[in-house]
C-alpha atoms as a PDB file:
ATOM      1  CA  UNK A   1      -1.925 -26.015  11.394  1.00  0.00           C
ATOM      2  CA  UNK A   2      -0.007 -23.929  10.573  1.00  0.00           C
ATOM      3  CA  UNK A   3      -0.051 -21.823  13.735  1.00  0.00           C
ATOM      4  CA  UNK A   4       1.983 -18.810  14.802  1.00  0.00           C
ATOM      5  CA  UNK A   5       5.412 -20.533  14.921  1.00  0.00           C
ATOM      6  CA  UNK A   6       4.943 -22.141  11.509  1.00  0.00           C
ATOM      7  CA  UNK A   7       3.726 -18.920   9.893  1.00  0.00           C
ATOM      8  CA  UNK A   8       6.570 -16.953  11.506  1.00  0.00           C
ATOM      9  CA  UNK A   9       9.077 -19.484  10.162  1.00  0.00           C
ATOM     10  CA  UNK A  10       7.616 -19.164   6.648  1.00  0.00           C
ATOM     11  CA  UNK A  11       7.677 -15.349   6.844  1.00  0.00           C
ATOM     12  CA  UNK A  12      11.339 -15.348   7.860  1.00  0.00           C
ATOM     13  CA  UNK A  13      12.100 -17.561   4.879  1.00  0.00           C
ATOM     14  CA  UNK A  14      10.430 -15.046   2.557  1.00  0.00           C
ATOM     15  CA  UNK A  15      12.365 -11.998   3.752  1.00  0.00           C
ATOM     16  CA  UNK A  16      14.743 -12.126   0.724  1.00  0.00           C
ATOM     17  CA  UNK A  17      11.874 -11.128  -1.597  1.00  0.00           C
ATOM     18  CA  UNK A  18      11.471  -7.707   0.050  1.00  0.00           C
ATOM     19  CA  UNK A  19      12.271  -4.949  -2.420  1.00  0.00           C
ATOM     20  CA  UNK A  20      11.742  -7.109  -5.508  1.00  0.00           C
ATOM     21  CA  UNK A  21       9.277  -6.513  -8.366  1.00  0.00           C
ATOM     22  CA  UNK A  22       6.521  -8.964  -9.300  1.00  0.00           C
ATOM     23  CA  UNK A  23       6.967  -9.253 -13.061  1.00  0.00           C
ATOM     24  CA  UNK A  24       4.384 -11.939 -13.797  1.00  0.00           C
ATOM     25  CA  UNK A  25       1.644 -13.763 -11.900  1.00  0.00           C
ATOM     26  CA  UNK A  26       0.110 -17.190 -12.550  1.00  0.00           C
ATOM     27  CA  UNK A  27      -3.256 -17.570 -10.826  1.00  0.00           C
ATOM     28  CA  UNK A  28      -3.999 -21.298 -10.991  1.00  0.00           C
ATOM     29  CA  UNK A  29      -7.094 -21.467  -8.785  1.00  0.00           C
ATOM     30  CA  UNK A  30     -10.222 -19.441  -9.469  1.00  0.00           C
ATOM     31  CA  UNK A  31     -11.128 -19.563  -5.775  1.00  0.00           C
ATOM     32  CA  UNK A  32      -8.354 -17.093  -4.991  1.00  0.00           C
ATOM     33  CA  UNK A  33      -9.549 -13.498  -4.594  1.00  0.00           C
ATOM     34  CA  UNK A  34      -6.718 -12.003  -6.643  1.00  0.00           C
ATOM     35  CA  UNK A  35      -5.921 -11.546 -10.340  1.00  0.00           C
ATOM     36  CA  UNK A  36      -2.696 -11.282 -12.284  1.00  0.00           C
ATOM     37  CA  UNK A  37      -3.475  -7.639 -13.048  1.00  0.00           C
ATOM     38  CA  UNK A  38      -3.714  -6.876  -9.325  1.00  0.00           C
ATOM     39  CA  UNK A  39      -0.036  -7.667  -8.799  1.00  0.00           C
ATOM     40  CA  UNK A  40       1.802  -7.422 -12.082  1.00  0.00           C
ATOM     41  CA  UNK A  41       4.559  -4.808 -11.966  1.00  0.00           C
ATOM     42  CA  UNK A  42       4.265  -3.957  -8.269  1.00  0.00           C
ATOM     43  CA  UNK A  43       7.119  -3.864  -5.775  1.00  0.00           C
ATOM     44  CA  UNK A  44       7.096  -5.965  -2.613  1.00  0.00           C
ATOM     45  CA  UNK A  45       7.767  -3.668   0.308  1.00  0.00           C
ATOM     46  CA  UNK A  46       7.703  -5.966   3.350  1.00  0.00           C
ATOM     47  CA  UNK A  47       6.750  -9.497   4.357  1.00  0.00           C
ATOM     48  CA  UNK A  48       5.323  -9.811   7.855  1.00  0.00           C
ATOM     49  CA  UNK A  49       3.070 -11.923  10.049  1.00  0.00           C
ATOM     50  CA  UNK A  50      -0.123 -10.905  11.830  1.00  0.00           C
ATOM     51  CA  UNK A  51      -1.625 -13.737  13.829  1.00  0.00           C
ATOM     52  CA  UNK A  52      -1.755 -16.678  11.406  1.00  0.00           C
ATOM     53  CA  UNK A  53      -1.763 -14.394   8.363  1.00  0.00           C
ATOM     54  CA  UNK A  54       1.168 -13.716   6.036  1.00  0.00           C
ATOM     55  CA  UNK A  55       0.990 -10.041   5.084  1.00  0.00           C
ATOM     56  CA  UNK A  56       2.912  -8.982   1.976  1.00  0.00           C
ATOM     57  CA  UNK A  57       2.849  -5.201   1.657  1.00  0.00           C
ATOM     58  CA  UNK A  58       2.955  -4.176  -2.012  1.00  0.00           C
ATOM     59  CA  UNK A  59       3.716  -0.598  -2.946  1.00  0.00           C
ATOM     60  CA  UNK A  60       0.608   1.460  -3.827  1.00  0.00           C
ATOM     61  CA  UNK A  61      -1.662  -1.614  -3.743  1.00  0.00           C
ATOM     62  CA  UNK A  62      -2.123  -2.448  -0.060  1.00  0.00           C
ATOM     63  CA  UNK A  63      -1.611  -5.845   1.571  1.00  0.00           C
ATOM     64  CA  UNK A  64      -1.530  -9.206  -0.157  1.00  0.00           C
ATOM     65  CA  UNK A  65      -2.852 -11.400   2.645  1.00  0.00           C
ATOM     66  CA  UNK A  66      -2.279 -15.145   2.652  1.00  0.00           C
ATOM     67  CA  UNK A  67      -3.980 -17.452   5.137  1.00  0.00           C
ATOM     68  CA  UNK A  68      -2.562 -20.964   4.926  1.00  0.00           C
ATOM     69  CA  UNK A  69      -5.423 -22.726   6.747  1.00  0.00           C
ATOM     70  CA  UNK A  70      -4.897 -26.474   7.141  1.00  0.00           C
ATOM     71  CA  UNK A  71      -2.417 -27.371   4.434  1.00  0.00           C
ATOM     72  CA  UNK A  72      -1.063 -24.278   2.706  1.00  0.00           C
ATOM     73  CA  UNK A  73       2.577 -23.295   2.149  1.00  0.00           C
ATOM     74  CA  UNK A  74       4.169 -20.182   0.726  1.00  0.00           C
ATOM     75  CA  UNK A  75       7.739 -20.825  -0.343  1.00  0.00           C
ATOM     76  CA  UNK A  76      10.548 -20.051  -2.759  1.00  0.00           C
ATOM     77  CA  UNK A  77      11.111 -23.687  -3.698  1.00  0.00           C
ATOM     78  CA  UNK A  78       8.738 -26.585  -4.205  1.00  0.00           C
ATOM     79  CA  UNK A  79       9.088 -30.336  -4.516  1.00  0.00           C
ATOM     80  CA  UNK A  80       8.013 -32.274  -7.571  1.00  0.00           C
ATOM     81  CA  UNK A  81       4.916 -33.634  -5.871  1.00  0.00           C
ATOM     82  CA  UNK A  82       3.889 -30.128  -4.762  1.00  0.00           C
ATOM     83  CA  UNK A  83       3.684 -28.912  -8.360  1.00  0.00           C
ATOM     84  CA  UNK A  84       0.182 -30.369  -8.809  1.00  0.00           C
ATOM     85  CA  UNK A  85      -1.040 -28.441  -5.772  1.00  0.00           C
ATOM     86  CA  UNK A  86       0.431 -25.071  -6.682  1.00  0.00           C
ATOM     87  CA  UNK A  87      -2.367 -22.486  -6.874  1.00  0.00           C
ATOM     88  CA  UNK A  88      -0.412 -19.245  -7.384  1.00  0.00           C
ATOM     89  CA  UNK A  89       3.057 -18.345  -8.652  1.00  0.00           C
ATOM     90  CA  UNK A  90       4.702 -14.933  -8.338  1.00  0.00           C
ATOM     91  CA  UNK A  91       7.551 -14.478 -10.834  1.00  0.00           C
ATOM     92  CA  UNK A  92       9.972 -11.905  -9.414  1.00  0.00           C
ATOM     93  CA  UNK A  93      12.462  -9.617 -11.101  1.00  0.00           C
ATOM     94  CA  UNK A  94      15.208 -11.213  -9.016  1.00  0.00           C
ATOM     95  CA  UNK A  95      14.603 -14.498 -10.808  1.00  0.00           C
ATOM     96  CA  UNK A  96      12.958 -16.053  -7.747  1.00  0.00           C
ATOM     97  CA  UNK A  97       9.471 -17.519  -7.744  1.00  0.00           C
ATOM     98  CA  UNK A  98       7.035 -17.566  -4.849  1.00  0.00           C
ATOM     99  CA  UNK A  99       4.770 -20.613  -4.816  1.00  0.00           C
ATOM    100  CA  UNK A 100       1.452 -20.856  -2.998  1.00  0.00           C
ATOM    101  CA  UNK A 101       0.890 -24.578  -2.463  1.00  0.00           C
ATOM    102  CA  UNK A 102      -2.557 -25.478  -1.191  1.00  0.00           C
ATOM    103  CA  UNK A 103      -3.500 -29.194  -1.468  1.00  0.00           C
ATOM    104  CA  UNK A 104      -6.921 -28.969   0.174  1.00  0.00           C
ATOM    105  CA  UNK A 105      -7.734 -25.588  -1.409  1.00  0.00           C
ATOM    106  CA  UNK A 106      -8.696 -24.206   2.007  1.00  0.00           C
ATOM    107  CA  UNK A 107      -6.064 -21.472   2.084  1.00  0.00           C
ATOM    108  CA  UNK A 108      -6.885 -17.988   0.876  1.00  0.00           C
ATOM    109  CA  UNK A 109      -5.099 -15.185  -0.969  1.00  0.00           C
ATOM    110  CA  UNK A 110      -6.652 -11.739  -1.189  1.00  0.00           C
ATOM    111  CA  UNK A 111      -5.561  -8.190  -1.856  1.00  0.00           C
ATOM    112  CA  UNK A 112      -6.623  -5.691   0.806  1.00  0.00           C
ATOM    113  CA  UNK A 113      -6.158  -2.151  -0.605  1.00  0.00           C
ATOM    114  CA  UNK A 114      -6.598  -0.570   2.819  1.00  0.00           C
ATOM    115  CA  UNK A 115      -4.476  -3.120   4.676  1.00  0.00           C
ATOM    116  CA  UNK A 116      -5.301  -6.312   6.546  1.00  0.00           C
ATOM    117  CA  UNK A 117      -8.886  -6.034   7.776  1.00  0.00           C
ATOM    118  CA  UNK A 118      -9.121  -9.058  10.086  1.00  0.00           C
ATOM    119  CA  UNK A 119     -10.308  -8.459  13.659  1.00  0.00           C
ATOM    120  CA  UNK A 120      -7.320  -9.820  15.541  1.00  0.00           C
ATOM    121  CA  UNK A 121      -6.286  -9.579  19.154  1.00  0.00           C
ATOM    122  CA  UNK A 122      -2.961  -8.985  20.833  1.00  0.00           C
ATOM    123  CA  UNK A 123       0.209 -10.621  19.497  1.00  0.00           C
ATOM    124  CA  UNK A 124       1.468 -12.996  22.210  1.00  0.00           C
ATOM    125  CA  UNK A 125       5.143 -12.273  21.505  1.00  0.00           C
ATOM    126  CA  UNK A 126       4.770  -8.497  21.562  1.00  0.00           C
ATOM    127  CA  UNK A 127       5.167  -6.234  24.633  1.00  0.00           C
ATOM    128  CA  UNK A 128       1.421  -5.535  24.747  1.00  0.00           C
ATOM    129  CA  UNK A 129       0.808  -9.145  25.787  1.00  0.00           C
ATOM    130  CA  UNK A 130       1.337  -8.795  29.509  1.00  0.00           C
ATOM    131  CA  UNK A 131       0.168 -10.828  32.479  1.00  0.00           C
ATOM    132  CA  UNK A 132      -2.226  -7.992  33.243  1.00  0.00           C
ATOM    133  CA  UNK A 133      -3.656  -8.010  29.719  1.00  0.00           C
ATOM    134  CA  UNK A 134      -4.220 -11.766  29.848  1.00  0.00           C
ATOM    135  CA  UNK A 135      -5.792 -11.532  33.301  1.00  0.00           C
ATOM    136  CA  UNK A 136      -8.179  -8.783  32.178  1.00  0.00           C
ATOM    137  CA  UNK A 137      -9.318 -10.760  29.148  1.00  0.00           C
ATOM    138  CA  UNK A 138      -9.730 -13.979  31.123  1.00  0.00           C
ATOM    139  CA  UNK A 139     -11.681 -12.303  33.932  1.00  0.00           C
ATOM    140  CA  UNK A 140     -14.246 -11.106  31.391  1.00  0.00           C
ATOM    141  CA  UNK A 141     -14.850 -14.556  29.879  1.00  0.00           C
ATOM    142  CA  UNK A 142     -16.959 -17.464  31.062  1.00  0.00           C
ATOM    143  CA  UNK A 143     -15.573 -19.691  28.298  1.00  0.00           C
ATOM    144  CA  UNK A 144     -13.430 -22.713  29.059  1.00  0.00           C
ATOM    145  CA  UNK A 145      -9.803 -21.613  29.029  1.00  0.00           C
ATOM    146  CA  UNK A 146      -8.746 -23.700  26.007  1.00  0.00           C
ATOM    147  CA  UNK A 147     -11.376 -22.281  23.578  1.00  0.00           C
ATOM    148  CA  UNK A 148     -10.699 -18.872  25.119  1.00  0.00           C
ATOM    149  CA  UNK A 149      -7.056 -19.110  24.081  1.00  0.00           C
ATOM    150  CA  UNK A 150      -8.002 -20.106  20.531  1.00  0.00           C
ATOM    151  CA  UNK A 151     -10.189 -17.026  19.975  1.00  0.00           C
ATOM    152  CA  UNK A 152      -8.175 -14.976  17.500  1.00  0.00           C
ATOM    153  CA  UNK A 153     -10.030 -11.822  18.543  1.00  0.00           C
ATOM    154  CA  UNK A 154      -8.263 -12.088  21.901  1.00  0.00           C
ATOM    155  CA  UNK A 155      -4.832 -13.592  21.193  1.00  0.00           C
ATOM    156  CA  UNK A 156      -3.688 -13.630  17.579  1.00  0.00           C
ATOM    157  CA  UNK A 157      -1.861 -16.684  16.270  1.00  0.00           C
ATOM    158  CA  UNK A 158      -2.237 -19.110  19.174  1.00  0.00           C
ATOM    159  CA  UNK A 159      -3.649 -22.403  17.909  1.00  0.00           C
ATOM    160  CA  UNK A 160      -4.651 -25.867  19.071  1.00  0.00           C
ATOM    161  CA  UNK A 161      -1.194 -27.384  19.469  1.00  0.00           C
ATOM    162  CA  UNK A 162       0.431 -24.575  21.400  1.00  0.00           C
ATOM    163  CA  UNK A 163      -2.598 -23.805  23.568  1.00  0.00           C
ATOM    164  CA  UNK A 164      -2.604 -27.431  24.743  1.00  0.00           C
ATOM    165  CA  UNK A 165       1.126 -27.345  25.402  1.00  0.00           C
ATOM    166  CA  UNK A 166       0.955 -24.040  27.288  1.00  0.00           C
ATOM    167  CA  UNK A 167      -1.868 -25.254  29.514  1.00  0.00           C
ATOM    168  CA  UNK A 168       0.099 -28.395  30.360  1.00  0.00           C
ATOM    169  CA  UNK A 169       3.164 -26.343  31.241  1.00  0.00           C
ATOM    170  CA  UNK A 170       1.049 -24.085  33.434  1.00  0.00           C
ATOM    171  CA  UNK A 171      -0.709 -27.039  35.095  1.00  0.00           C
ATOM    172  CA  UNK A 172      -4.182 -25.790  34.170  1.00  0.00           C
ATOM    173  CA  UNK A 173      -7.091 -28.013  33.158  1.00  0.00           C
ATOM    174  CA  UNK A 174      -8.282 -26.850  29.703  1.00  0.00           C
ATOM    175  CA  UNK A 175     -11.898 -27.244  30.869  1.00  0.00           C
ATOM    176  CA  UNK A 176     -11.528 -24.611  33.592  1.00  0.00           C
ATOM    177  CA  UNK A 177     -13.480 -21.411  33.060  1.00  0.00           C
ATOM    178  CA  UNK A 178     -11.234 -18.559  32.021  1.00  0.00           C
ATOM    179  CA  UNK A 179     -12.579 -16.321  34.759  1.00  0.00           C
ATOM    180  CA  UNK A 180     -11.719 -18.919  37.417  1.00  0.00           C
ATOM    181  CA  UNK A 181      -7.960 -18.475  37.043  1.00  0.00           C
ATOM    182  CA  UNK A 182      -6.191 -17.013  40.042  1.00  0.00           C
ATOM    183  CA  UNK A 183      -3.289 -14.578  39.740  1.00  0.00           C
ATOM    184  CA  UNK A 184      -0.465 -17.146  40.053  1.00  0.00           C
ATOM    185  CA  UNK A 185      -2.153 -19.378  37.484  1.00  0.00           C
ATOM    186  CA  UNK A 186      -2.527 -16.510  35.018  1.00  0.00           C
ATOM    187  CA  UNK A 187       1.144 -15.624  35.467  1.00  0.00           C
ATOM    188  CA  UNK A 188       2.182 -19.234  34.834  1.00  0.00           C
ATOM    189  CA  UNK A 189      -0.029 -19.453  31.755  1.00  0.00           C
ATOM    190  CA  UNK A 190       1.306 -16.194  30.347  1.00  0.00           C
ATOM    191  CA  UNK A 191       4.889 -17.381  30.728  1.00  0.00           C
ATOM    192  CA  UNK A 192       4.039 -20.788  29.272  1.00  0.00           C
ATOM    193  CA  UNK A 193       2.465 -19.224  26.164  1.00  0.00           C
ATOM    194  CA  UNK A 194       5.483 -17.027  25.529  1.00  0.00           C
ATOM    195  CA  UNK A 195       7.954 -19.836  26.186  1.00  0.00           C
ATOM    196  CA  UNK A 196       6.273 -22.493  24.051  1.00  0.00           C
ATOM    197  CA  UNK A 197       5.831 -20.167  21.077  1.00  0.00           C
ATOM    198  CA  UNK A 198       9.418 -18.930  21.298  1.00  0.00           C
ATOM    199  CA  UNK A 199      10.805 -22.452  21.557  1.00  0.00           C
ATOM    200  CA  UNK A 200       8.659 -23.661  18.639  1.00  0.00           C
ATOM    201  CA  UNK A 201       9.917 -20.828  16.426  1.00  0.00           C
ATOM    202  CA  UNK A 202      13.492 -21.713  17.360  1.00  0.00           C
ATOM    203  CA  UNK A 203      12.727 -25.306  16.308  1.00  0.00           C
ATOM    204  CA  UNK A 204      11.163 -24.172  12.969  1.00  0.00           C
ATOM    205  CA  UNK A 205       7.674 -25.236  14.034  1.00  0.00           C
ATOM    206  CA  UNK A 206       5.873 -28.571  14.306  1.00  0.00           C
ATOM    207  CA  UNK A 207       5.629 -31.137  11.495  1.00  0.00           C
ATOM    208  CA  UNK A 208       3.164 -33.908  12.298  1.00  0.00           C
ATOM    209  CA  UNK A 209       3.429 -36.044   9.156  1.00  0.00           C
ATOM    210  CA  UNK A 210       5.085 -36.560   5.784  1.00  0.00           C
ATOM    211  CA  UNK A 211       2.231 -35.996   3.335  1.00  0.00           C
ATOM    212  CA  UNK A 212       2.092 -33.103   0.888  1.00  0.00           C
ATOM    213  CA  UNK A 213      -0.483 -31.503   3.209  1.00  0.00           C
ATOM    214  CA  UNK A 214       1.807 -31.451   6.236  1.00  0.00           C
ATOM    215  CA  UNK A 215       3.700 -28.327   7.213  1.00  0.00           C
ATOM    216  CA  UNK A 216       7.401 -28.073   6.555  1.00  0.00           C
ATOM    217  CA  UNK A 217       9.668 -25.016   6.594  1.00  0.00           C
ATOM    218  CA  UNK A 218      11.105 -23.642   3.375  1.00  0.00           C
ATOM    219  CA  UNK A 219      14.691 -24.662   4.028  1.00  0.00           C
ATOM    220  CA  UNK A 220      14.319 -27.937   5.924  1.00  0.00           C
ATOM    221  CA  UNK A 221      12.627 -31.306   5.554  1.00  0.00           C
ATOM    222  CA  UNK A 222      10.532 -30.662   8.659  1.00  0.00           C
ATOM    223  CA  UNK A 223      10.215 -28.629  11.799  1.00  0.00           C
ATOM    224  CA  UNK A 224      11.577 -30.083  15.023  1.00  0.00           C
ATOM    225  CA  UNK A 225       9.155 -29.090  17.758  1.00  0.00           C
ATOM    226  CA  UNK A 226       7.086 -32.280  17.317  1.00  0.00           C
ATOM    227  CA  UNK A 227       9.971 -33.952  19.149  1.00  0.00           C
ATOM    228  CA  UNK A 228       9.301 -31.766  22.192  1.00  0.00           C
ATOM    229  CA  UNK A 229       5.514 -32.007  22.517  1.00  0.00           C
ATOM    230  CA  UNK A 230       4.435 -32.894  26.047  1.00  0.00           C
ATOM    231  CA  UNK A 231       0.730 -33.631  25.489  1.00  0.00           C
ATOM    232  CA  UNK A 232      -0.452 -32.849  21.963  1.00  0.00           C
ATOM    233  CA  UNK A 233      -1.111 -36.041  19.929  1.00  0.00           C
ATOM    234  CA  UNK A 234       0.248 -38.151  22.835  1.00  0.00           C
ATOM    235  CA  UNK A 235      -2.994 -39.825  23.922  1.00  0.00           C
ATOM    236  CA  UNK A 236      -2.379 -42.797  26.278  1.00  0.00           C
ATOM    237  CA  UNK A 237       1.327 -42.024  26.541  1.00  0.00           C
ATOM    238  CA  UNK A 238       2.781 -41.278  30.011  1.00  0.00           C
ATOM    239  CA  UNK A 239       2.934 -37.688  31.198  1.00  0.00           C
ATOM    240  CA  UNK A 240       6.504 -36.417  31.393  1.00  0.00           C
ATOM    241  CA  UNK A 241       5.879 -35.028  34.889  1.00  0.00           C
ATOM    242  CA  UNK A 242       3.897 -37.736  36.654  1.00  0.00           C
ATOM    243  CA  UNK A 243       3.586 -40.679  34.220  1.00  0.00           C
ATOM    244  CA  UNK A 244      -0.222 -40.541  34.241  1.00  0.00           C
ATOM    245  CA  UNK A 245      -1.635 -41.428  30.823  1.00  0.00           C
ATOM    246  CA  UNK A 246      -2.407 -38.427  28.614  1.00  0.00           C
ATOM    247  CA  UNK A 247      -6.094 -38.111  27.745  1.00  0.00           C
ATOM    248  CA  UNK A 248      -7.811 -36.692  24.681  1.00  0.00           C
ATOM    249  CA  UNK A 249     -11.126 -34.869  24.959  1.00  0.00           C
ATOM    250  CA  UNK A 250     -13.125 -32.757  22.522  1.00  0.00           C
ATOM    251  CA  UNK A 251     -13.744 -29.046  23.058  1.00  0.00           C
ATOM    252  CA  UNK A 252     -15.615 -26.917  20.539  1.00  0.00           C
ATOM    253  CA  UNK A 253     -15.088 -29.620  17.935  1.00  0.00           C
ATOM    254  CA  UNK A 254     -11.311 -29.728  18.451  1.00  0.00           C
ATOM    255  CA  UNK A 255      -9.129 -32.371  20.101  1.00  0.00           C
ATOM    256  CA  UNK A 256      -7.656 -31.319  23.433  1.00  0.00           C
ATOM    257  CA  UNK A 257      -4.879 -33.278  25.128  1.00  0.00           C
ATOM    258  CA  UNK A 258      -4.214 -33.092  28.857  1.00  0.00           C
ATOM    259  CA  UNK A 259      -2.797 -34.865  31.865  1.00  0.00           C
ATOM    260  CA  UNK A 260      -5.723 -35.515  34.235  1.00  0.00           C
ATOM    261  CA  UNK A 261      -3.380 -35.577  37.235  1.00  0.00           C
ATOM    262  CA  UNK A 262      -1.088 -32.604  36.554  1.00  0.00           C
ATOM    263  CA  UNK A 263      -3.637 -30.163  35.181  1.00  0.00           C
ATOM    264  CA  UNK A 264      -6.135 -28.909  37.737  1.00  0.00           C
END
């Protein structure tokens, strides 16, 4: 957390800052790879998402790249309890302020003069992500399908929650080898990925708790997609399709949730 839907929701909430000038910068965490001088006086061109990264294009300086990691937020308003966890503040000519809130200090902010340099794969909500593209990538991998989906070098932005949900929708066991998928299964998985990400964005993402470290959108108390999760964090609850108890296993150090009856 946050994953593609949460980052996309945050980016959409930051669109009003496009075209504004950064007049002053407060860097409140020496772990951040940016200085006040890097950004003072520059104009924000665009705010976009690439994978799980927030990419703020600043005129003549490159990309200010924010990765939220486990507990970060980038927002125009903050709560009183978030003030102690604010690591960066951008003071804009419009009078707005952009706050980088990062309770666990795992998130990163860096200025990339030549643009975002991360090695990222295809965007799953862009036209380049086709059934054929997914099938070609899967056929070349002997990895289990769940870790395969989490590899950002293949599919950018897909994370633990939405990979588990997509595999449940497609009826595929997350332990299956990627190269074992047959054509109908790949088509179902492709559609499930697109659908679950689109629906989660429409619901402003997934909020799993109420602590200062939990994701919430800029203009709402929480996202809503947690109310529509079929398997994630539902261990021992009945499957919505067959009422078999949901199981939790560990794959590559991450929790994976599945229905042992529905997912083959």
